[in-house]
Amino acid sequence: MSDRDLELYDAIQSGDKRALGELYEKYEKLLYSFAFKMTRNRELSEEVVQEVFIKIWTKKGIYQKKRGKFSSWILTVARNMAIDIMRKKKVQTYTLEERDSVYSEEPLTEELFEWKEDAGRVREAMGRLNEDQREVIHLFYFDALSQQKISERLGIPLGTVKGRIRLALNHLKKHLATIDERGGSRDE
């Protein structure tokens, strides 16, 4: 988490609307783009972004620095919010390939660069996972399936799904830290 993100988050915890506005300006486009990839719907994506910032404003202390980077946390909140909203509105979920094929809005150059850079790091780290862990991470994060649905689809116990996700996330965190220490991915 950048020092500025921490300052803004702490200020928001104290009721600083200006800090909320600054944080919104920083993350709104990223969250919208992320939500749109999941929902394929502009209104739902806008709702996701709005709900994320309402949550940050109204629920004190929900981000804990020791659990990871703020940017990762806020994307996780957006992901969970998108899933919740799609379930409530009974919106069909799609695979990444299906979503990407209908994505019609061109991202800004800097957004595209950031996404490609992050995607390369994540792809490299995912490549280091074993096949079972890679599969549950893909189903959980990219296909937006619940842990129960993954259990049913793969025919494995729910506890095994939870364990694989937990282990995979720990491995990904470690691999991404190693990649960051090297200063980028091997492809650069």
Protein backbone atom coordinates (compact mmCIF):
# COMPACT_ATOMS: atom_id res chain seq x y z
CA MET A 1 0.00 0.00 0.00
CA SER A 2 1.42 3.35 -0.92
CA ASP A 3 1.87 5.82 1.90
CA ARG A 4 -0.66 8.09 0.22
CA ASP A 5 -3.29 5.32 0.10
CA LEU A 6 -2.74 4.73 3.82
CA GLU A 7 -3.05 8.46 4.56
CA LEU A 8 -6.26 8.66 2.54
CA TYR A 9 -7.74 5.57 4.14
CA ASP A 10 -6.92 6.84 7.64
CA ALA A 11 -8.45 10.24 6.79
CA ILE A 12 -11.61 8.52 5.50
CA GLN A 13 -11.84 6.62 8.78
CA SER A 14 -11.97 10.06 10.45
CA GLY A 15 -14.78 11.26 8.15
CA ASP A 16 -12.73 13.23 5.60
CA LYS A 17 -14.88 13.52 2.46
CA ARG A 18 -12.01 15.10 0.49
CA ALA A 19 -9.88 11.99 1.13
CA LEU A 20 -12.74 9.80 -0.08
CA GLY A 21 -12.95 11.89 -3.25
CA GLU A 22 -9.22 11.58 -3.85
CA LEU A 23 -9.29 7.82 -3.31
CA TYR A 24 -12.29 7.60 -5.65
CA GLU A 25 -10.41 9.53 -8.35
CA LYS A 26 -7.46 7.19 -8.01
CA TYR A 27 -9.34 3.87 -8.16
CA GLU A 28 -12.66 4.54 -9.92
CA LYS A 29 -11.49 3.71 -13.46
CA LEU A 30 -9.65 0.58 -12.39
CA LEU A 31 -12.62 -0.71 -10.38
CA TYR A 32 -15.08 0.13 -13.14
CA SER A 33 -12.96 -1.68 -15.75
CA PHE A 34 -12.55 -4.67 -13.43
CA ALA A 35 -16.30 -4.80 -12.67
CA PHE A 36 -17.19 -4.41 -16.35
CA LYS A 37 -15.05 -7.43 -17.23
CA MET A 38 -17.13 -9.43 -14.76
CA THR A 39 -20.60 -8.03 -15.40
CA ARG A 40 -20.47 -6.88 -19.05
CA ASN A 41 -22.94 -4.23 -17.95
CA ARG A 42 -22.23 -0.52 -17.51
CA GLU A 43 -24.97 0.11 -14.94
CA LEU A 44 -23.96 -2.88 -12.83
CA SER A 45 -20.31 -1.83 -13.05
CA GLU A 46 -21.17 1.69 -11.89
CA GLU A 47 -23.20 0.18 -9.06
CA VAL A 48 -20.23 -1.98 -8.03
CA VAL A 49 -17.94 1.06 -7.88
CA GLN A 50 -20.50 3.05 -5.92
CA GLU A 51 -21.06 0.21 -3.43
CA VAL A 52 -17.32 -0.28 -2.89
CA PHE A 53 -16.87 3.35 -1.91
CA ILE A 54 -20.01 3.37 0.22
CA LYS A 55 -18.57 0.39 2.06
CA ILE A 56 -15.22 2.16 2.56
CA TRP A 57 -17.02 5.26 3.84
CA THR A 58 -19.54 3.56 6.17
CA LYS A 59 -17.69 0.53 7.51
CA LYS A 60 -14.78 1.58 9.69
CA GLY A 61 -11.61 -0.47 9.87
CA ILE A 62 -12.44 -3.02 7.18
CA TYR A 63 -9.03 -2.76 5.54
CA GLN A 64 -6.17 -4.28 7.52
CA LYS A 65 -2.68 -3.44 6.29
CA LYS A 66 -1.20 -6.72 7.57
CA ARG A 67 -3.45 -8.69 5.17
CA GLY A 68 -1.99 -7.21 1.98
CA LYS A 69 -1.78 -4.27 -0.38
CA PHE A 70 -4.66 -1.81 -0.47
CA SER A 71 -4.98 -2.07 -4.25
CA SER A 72 -5.36 -5.86 -4.00
CA TRP A 73 -7.87 -5.50 -1.19
CA ILE A 74 -10.03 -2.95 -3.02
CA LEU A 75 -10.11 -5.18 -6.13
CA THR A 76 -11.19 -8.11 -3.96
CA VAL A 77 -13.96 -5.98 -2.46
CA ALA A 78 -15.06 -5.00 -5.99
CA ARG A 79 -14.98 -8.63 -7.13
CA ASN A 80 -17.11 -9.77 -4.19
CA MET A 81 -19.48 -6.84 -4.66
CA ALA A 82 -19.89 -7.66 -8.37
CA ILE A 83 -20.66 -11.28 -7.55
CA ASP A 84 -23.20 -10.25 -4.89
CA ILE A 85 -24.91 -7.77 -7.20
CA MET A 86 -25.04 -10.26 -10.10
CA ARG A 87 -26.52 -12.92 -7.82
CA LYS A 88 -29.14 -10.53 -6.43
CA LYS A 89 -30.14 -9.46 -9.92
CA LYS A 90 -29.77 -13.01 -11.26
CA VAL A 91 -27.27 -11.92 -13.92
CA GLN A 92 -25.58 -14.68 -15.95
CA THR A 93 -21.84 -15.01 -15.35
CA TYR A 94 -19.47 -15.64 -18.23
CA THR A 95 -16.00 -16.98 -18.78
CA LEU A 96 -13.15 -14.53 -19.39
CA GLU A 97 -13.00 -15.47 -23.04
CA GLU A 98 -16.70 -14.71 -23.49
CA ARG A 99 -16.40 -11.43 -21.61
CA ASP A 100 -13.31 -10.35 -23.55
CA SER A 101 -14.92 -11.10 -26.92
CA VAL A 102 -17.72 -8.61 -26.27
CA TYR A 103 -15.69 -5.95 -24.49
CA SER A 104 -16.30 -2.99 -26.76
CA GLU A 105 -14.89 -0.06 -24.83
CA GLU A 106 -11.20 0.67 -25.49
CA PRO A 107 -9.23 1.21 -22.26
CA LEU A 108 -6.94 4.18 -21.83
CA THR A 109 -3.31 3.55 -22.80
CA GLU A 110 -2.04 3.78 -19.20
CA GLU A 111 -4.79 1.43 -18.00
CA LEU A 112 -3.91 -1.05 -20.72
CA PHE A 113 -0.24 -0.89 -19.78
CA GLU A 114 -1.02 -1.41 -16.07
CA TRP A 115 -3.36 -4.33 -16.83
CA LYS A 116 -0.82 -5.99 -19.13
CA GLU A 117 1.97 -5.48 -16.61
CA ASP A 118 -0.13 -6.90 -13.76
CA ALA A 119 -1.49 -9.68 -15.97
CA GLY A 120 2.04 -10.75 -16.89
CA ARG A 121 3.05 -10.93 -13.24
CA VAL A 122 -0.09 -12.85 -12.30
CA ARG A 123 0.29 -15.20 -15.29
CA GLU A 124 3.86 -15.96 -14.28
CA ALA A 125 2.86 -16.58 -10.66
CA MET A 126 -0.13 -18.71 -11.74
CA GLY A 127 2.22 -20.81 -13.87
CA ARG A 128 4.07 -21.79 -10.71
CA LEU A 129 0.95 -23.23 -9.05
CA ASN A 130 0.15 -26.90 -9.33
CA GLU A 131 -2.72 -27.78 -11.68
CA ASP A 132 -5.30 -28.34 -8.90
CA GLN A 133 -4.61 -24.95 -7.32
CA ARG A 134 -4.55 -23.17 -10.68
CA GLU A 135 -7.94 -24.69 -11.57
CA VAL A 136 -9.71 -23.58 -8.36
CA ILE A 137 -8.23 -20.08 -8.59
CA HIS A 138 -9.41 -19.78 -12.18
CA LEU A 139 -12.92 -20.97 -11.31
CA PHE A 140 -13.14 -18.79 -8.20
CA TYR A 141 -11.65 -15.51 -9.44
CA PHE A 142 -12.09 -15.57 -13.20
CA ASP A 143 -15.31 -17.57 -13.62
CA ALA A 144 -16.76 -16.06 -10.38
CA LEU A 145 -18.00 -19.42 -9.07
CA SER A 146 -18.69 -19.85 -5.37
CA GLN A 147 -16.63 -22.36 -3.42
CA GLN A 148 -19.72 -24.59 -3.23
CA LYS A 149 -20.18 -24.49 -7.01
CA ILE A 150 -16.50 -25.33 -7.51
CA SER A 151 -16.91 -28.27 -5.14
CA GLU A 152 -19.90 -29.51 -7.14
CA ARG A 153 -18.26 -28.95 -10.54
CA LEU A 154 -15.01 -30.72 -9.61
CA GLY A 155 -16.64 -33.39 -7.46
CA ILE A 156 -14.41 -32.67 -4.47
CA PRO A 157 -15.28 -31.77 -0.87
CA LEU A 158 -15.89 -28.11 -0.02
CA GLY A 159 -13.07 -28.22 2.55
CA THR A 160 -10.66 -29.32 -0.19
CA VAL A 161 -11.73 -26.39 -2.37
CA LYS A 162 -11.20 -23.95 0.51
CA GLY A 163 -7.82 -25.49 1.29
CA ARG A 164 -6.66 -25.30 -2.34
CA ILE A 165 -7.73 -21.67 -2.61
CA ARG A 166 -5.98 -20.77 0.64
CA LEU A 167 -2.77 -22.57 -0.39
CA ALA A 168 -2.87 -21.13 -3.90
CA LEU A 169 -3.31 -17.58 -2.60
CA ASN A 170 -0.40 -18.04 -0.22
CA HIS A 171 1.75 -19.38 -3.08
CA LEU A 172 0.65 -16.55 -5.39
CA LYS A 173 1.49 -13.96 -2.74
CA LYS A 174 4.94 -15.47 -2.30
CA HIS A 175 5.55 -15.77 -6.06
CA LEU A 176 4.37 -12.21 -6.74
CA ALA A 177 6.67 -10.90 -4.01
CA THR A 178 9.57 -12.76 -5.65
CA ILE A 179 8.66 -11.33 -9.05
CA ASP A 180 8.46 -7.81 -7.55
CA GLU A 181 11.88 -8.25 -5.92
CA ARG A 182 13.33 -9.18 -9.31
CA GLY A 183 11.84 -6.01 -10.75
CA GLY A 184 9.33 -7.53 -13.14
CA SER A 185 8.61 -10.74 -14.94
CA ARG A 186 11.07 -12.90 -16.84
CA ASP A 187 9.54 -11.73 -20.12
CA GLU A 188 10.85 -8.19 -19.69
